[in-house]
Amino acid sequence: MASLLDKTTFRIRIIRESALILVVIFATYLINIQLRVQIEQTDAAIVSENNLYGLREYHQETFDLLEQRLVAMKAITERIDKALPATEDIGDFLTILSTYGAKNGVVVNVSVGTAAISTIQKDGVALQTIAIAIDVNGEANALRQYINAIEHLPYFFAISGIDERRDPAKPGFRHLVIAGTLWTKPTQTLTQMQQ
């Protein structure tokens, strides 16, 4: 009987230990599942943070790019403002015409016409045009350099014609009448100008 008890006790012990092992395995399984959930949540949080960081970085790059474009647009606007003097304020343009002539050894006489309403109109504002006649005298090379210089002025000025006269008594010496148009910005709206 003692051996039967030993066998029964042994079996109970094996069953208890097996049950304990099963409980430990099950607990380990549950802990493992819980750890996986926490790891997935942590990964999701990291991915979310990385996405936010990337999004912040993208927005900063976009902002920087916009800022650069605004600076460039401001520079262009300033150049346009300088290139379109007010109709009453073309003195700087006329001074440059004379100064370039003196630099190139050319005698310059500038005649200014009356301002007229341009065909370039938008939102009740029209540009104005002023006919400019430039009478120049000098050596052929100097006149060529002068014409090249005024073609590259930072103003909206277009040469519309050049009339050349030669003096047979002075070979190499030329007299040119350069006709052109200067566009200016008016200080009045189109309606005010037409009244």
Protein backbone atom coordinates (compact mmCIF):
# COMPACT_ATOMS: atom_id res chain seq x y z
CA MET A 1 0.00 0.00 0.00
CA ALA A 2 2.82 2.26 0.68
CA SER A 3 3.93 1.91 -2.85
CA LEU A 4 0.44 2.74 -4.08
CA LEU A 5 0.48 5.87 -1.98
CA ASP A 6 3.83 6.77 -3.30
CA LYS A 7 2.57 6.29 -6.82
CA THR A 8 -0.59 8.34 -6.13
CA THR A 9 1.42 11.03 -4.39
CA PHE A 10 3.86 10.97 -7.23
CA ARG A 11 1.06 11.32 -9.77
CA ILE A 12 -0.53 14.16 -7.82
CA ARG A 13 2.83 15.82 -7.63
CA ILE A 14 3.37 15.40 -11.37
CA ILE A 15 -0.12 16.77 -12.03
CA ARG A 16 0.53 19.72 -9.69
CA GLU A 17 3.91 20.43 -11.23
CA SER A 18 2.43 20.06 -14.71
CA ALA A 19 -0.38 22.40 -13.76
CA LEU A 20 2.14 24.83 -12.30
CA ILE A 21 4.22 24.60 -15.48
CA LEU A 22 1.07 25.18 -17.56
CA VAL A 23 0.20 28.21 -15.40
CA VAL A 24 3.76 29.56 -15.81
CA ILE A 25 3.60 28.95 -19.58
CA PHE A 26 0.19 30.61 -19.78
CA ALA A 27 1.38 33.56 -17.66
CA THR A 28 4.49 33.85 -19.83
CA TYR A 29 2.25 33.81 -22.90
CA LEU A 30 0.06 36.56 -21.44
CA ILE A 31 3.10 38.63 -20.48
CA ASN A 32 4.51 38.10 -23.96
CA ILE A 33 1.24 39.32 -25.54
CA GLN A 34 1.19 42.34 -23.24
CA LEU A 35 4.83 43.15 -24.08
CA ARG A 36 4.07 42.87 -27.81
CA VAL A 37 1.17 45.31 -27.42
CA GLN A 38 3.40 47.75 -25.54
CA ILE A 39 6.16 47.38 -28.16
CA GLU A 40 3.66 48.02 -30.97
CA GLN A 41 2.33 51.09 -29.15
CA THR A 42 5.86 52.36 -28.61
CA ASP A 43 6.72 51.73 -32.27
CA ALA A 44 3.56 53.57 -33.34
CA ALA A 45 4.48 56.49 -31.07
CA ILE A 46 8.00 56.57 -32.50
CA VAL A 47 6.68 56.44 -36.06
CA SER A 48 4.20 59.18 -35.21
CA GLU A 49 6.97 61.32 -33.70
CA ASN A 50 9.15 60.69 -36.74
CA ASN A 51 6.25 61.63 -39.00
CA LEU A 52 5.68 64.80 -37.01
CA TYR A 53 9.37 65.61 -37.13
CA GLY A 54 9.40 64.99 -40.89
CA LEU A 55 6.27 67.07 -41.29
CA ARG A 56 7.79 69.89 -39.25
CA GLU A 57 10.97 69.68 -41.32
CA TYR A 58 8.94 69.72 -44.56
CA HIS A 59 6.95 72.75 -43.40
CA GLN A 60 10.13 74.55 -42.38
CA GLU A 61 11.68 73.88 -45.79
CA THR A 62 8.49 75.12 -47.46
CA PHE A 63 8.47 78.21 -45.29
CA ASP A 64 12.14 78.89 -46.07
CA LEU A 65 11.46 78.48 -49.79
CA LEU A 66 8.49 80.85 -49.62
CA GLU A 67 10.58 83.36 -47.72
CA GLN A 68 13.30 83.19 -50.40
CA ARG A 69 10.70 83.68 -53.14
CA LEU A 70 9.19 86.65 -51.32
CA VAL A 71 12.62 88.25 -51.04
CA ALA A 72 13.20 87.64 -54.77
CA MET A 73 9.75 89.04 -55.61
CA LYS A 74 10.45 92.10 -53.48
CA ALA A 75 13.72 92.66 -55.35
CA ILE A 76 11.92 92.30 -58.69
CA THR A 77 9.19 94.70 -57.55
CA GLU A 78 11.82 97.23 -56.50
CA ARG A 79 13.53 96.90 -59.90
CA ILE A 80 10.21 97.44 -61.66
CA ASP A 81 9.46 100.47 -59.48
CA LYS A 82 12.85 101.95 -60.39
CA ALA A 83 12.37 101.08 -64.07
CA LEU A 84 9.01 102.88 -64.12
CA PRO A 85 9.66 106.37 -62.82
CA ALA A 86 6.75 108.66 -62.05
CA THR A 87 5.75 110.74 -65.08
CA GLU A 88 6.83 113.94 -63.31
CA ASP A 89 10.08 112.41 -62.10
CA ILE A 90 12.10 111.44 -65.18
CA GLY A 91 14.99 113.75 -64.32
CA ASP A 92 17.24 110.83 -63.28
CA PHE A 93 16.62 109.12 -66.62
CA LEU A 94 17.49 112.30 -68.55
CA THR A 95 20.61 112.83 -66.44
CA ILE A 96 21.76 109.28 -67.19
CA LEU A 97 21.31 109.89 -70.93
CA SER A 98 23.58 112.94 -70.73
CA THR A 99 26.09 111.27 -68.37
CA TYR A 100 26.49 108.24 -70.64
CA GLY A 101 27.09 110.64 -73.53
CA ALA A 102 29.85 112.46 -71.66
CA LYS A 103 31.46 109.10 -70.71
CA ASN A 104 31.54 108.03 -74.34
CA GLY A 105 32.68 111.40 -75.74
CA VAL A 106 29.32 112.11 -77.32
CA VAL A 107 27.51 115.46 -77.30
CA VAL A 108 23.89 114.85 -76.23
CA ASN A 109 20.80 117.03 -76.50
CA VAL A 110 17.55 115.46 -75.23
CA SER A 111 14.04 116.59 -76.15
CA VAL A 112 11.10 115.36 -74.12
CA GLY A 113 7.59 115.03 -75.54
CA THR A 114 4.27 115.24 -73.71
CA ALA A 115 3.08 112.28 -71.65
CA ALA A 116 0.36 110.19 -73.30
CA ILE A 117 -1.86 107.42 -71.98
CA SER A 118 -0.44 104.02 -72.91
CA THR A 119 -2.42 101.09 -74.22
CA ILE A 120 -1.08 99.10 -71.25
CA GLN A 121 -3.93 99.36 -68.74
CA LYS A 122 -5.09 97.33 -65.74
CA ASP A 123 -7.62 97.97 -62.99
CA GLY A 124 -8.15 101.62 -63.87
CA VAL A 125 -4.43 102.36 -63.99
CA ALA A 126 -2.63 102.98 -67.27
CA LEU A 127 1.05 103.42 -67.89
CA GLN A 128 2.01 106.60 -69.62
CA THR A 129 4.43 106.98 -72.52
CA ILE A 130 6.74 109.88 -73.13
CA ALA A 131 8.36 110.38 -76.52
CA ILE A 132 12.07 111.03 -76.16
CA ALA A 133 14.28 112.40 -78.94
CA ILE A 134 18.02 112.19 -78.34
CA ASP A 135 20.19 114.29 -80.65
CA VAL A 136 23.78 112.99 -80.46
CA ASN A 137 27.00 113.94 -82.20
CA GLY A 138 30.30 112.11 -82.08
CA GLU A 139 32.64 109.51 -83.54
CA ALA A 140 30.98 106.39 -84.99
CA ASN A 141 32.50 104.05 -82.36
CA ALA A 142 31.51 106.35 -79.49
CA LEU A 143 27.94 106.55 -80.85
CA ARG A 144 27.77 102.75 -81.07
CA GLN A 145 28.88 102.45 -77.43
CA TYR A 146 26.37 105.13 -76.42
CA ILE A 147 23.48 103.36 -78.14
CA ASN A 148 24.52 100.04 -76.54
CA ALA A 149 24.64 101.73 -73.13
CA ILE A 150 21.17 103.31 -73.37
CA GLU A 151 19.67 100.04 -74.65
CA HIS A 152 20.71 98.45 -71.35
CA LEU A 153 19.43 101.16 -69.03
CA PRO A 154 17.36 99.87 -66.09
CA TYR A 155 14.28 101.70 -67.41
CA PHE A 156 11.41 100.68 -69.67
CA PHE A 157 12.80 102.60 -72.62
CA ALA A 158 12.57 101.39 -76.21
CA ILE A 159 14.41 102.85 -79.17
CA SER A 160 11.94 103.12 -82.04
CA GLY A 161 14.19 104.65 -84.69
CA ILE A 162 17.59 106.09 -85.49
CA ASP A 163 18.14 108.71 -88.16
CA GLU A 164 21.79 109.10 -89.21
CA ARG A 165 23.35 112.11 -90.87
CA ARG A 166 26.94 112.34 -92.00
CA ASP A 167 28.93 115.49 -92.43
CA PRO A 168 31.17 115.11 -95.52
CA ALA A 169 33.52 117.69 -94.05
CA LYS A 170 34.12 115.51 -90.96
CA PRO A 171 34.78 111.84 -91.91
CA GLY A 172 34.06 109.37 -89.07
CA PHE A 173 31.90 111.95 -87.35
CA ARG A 174 28.17 111.21 -87.14
CA HIS A 175 25.02 113.01 -86.11
CA LEU A 176 22.19 110.75 -84.93
CA VAL A 177 18.64 111.48 -83.89
CA ILE A 178 17.45 108.60 -81.72
CA ALA A 179 13.70 108.34 -81.24
CA GLY A 180 12.40 106.34 -78.31
CA THR A 181 9.60 105.81 -75.85
CA LEU A 182 9.89 105.89 -72.07
CA TRP A 183 7.12 104.19 -70.08
CA THR A 184 6.27 105.81 -66.77
CA LYS A 185 3.82 105.20 -63.96
CA PRO A 186 1.23 107.93 -63.55
CA THR A 187 0.38 109.52 -60.24
CA GLN A 188 -3.30 109.54 -61.24
CA THR A 189 -5.78 106.81 -62.17
CA LEU A 190 -6.98 106.40 -65.75
CA THR A 191 -10.32 108.09 -64.90
CA GLN A 192 -8.55 111.12 -63.43
CA MET A 193 -6.29 111.41 -66.49
CA GLN A 194 -9.23 111.33 -68.92
CA GLN A 195 -11.09 114.17 -67.16
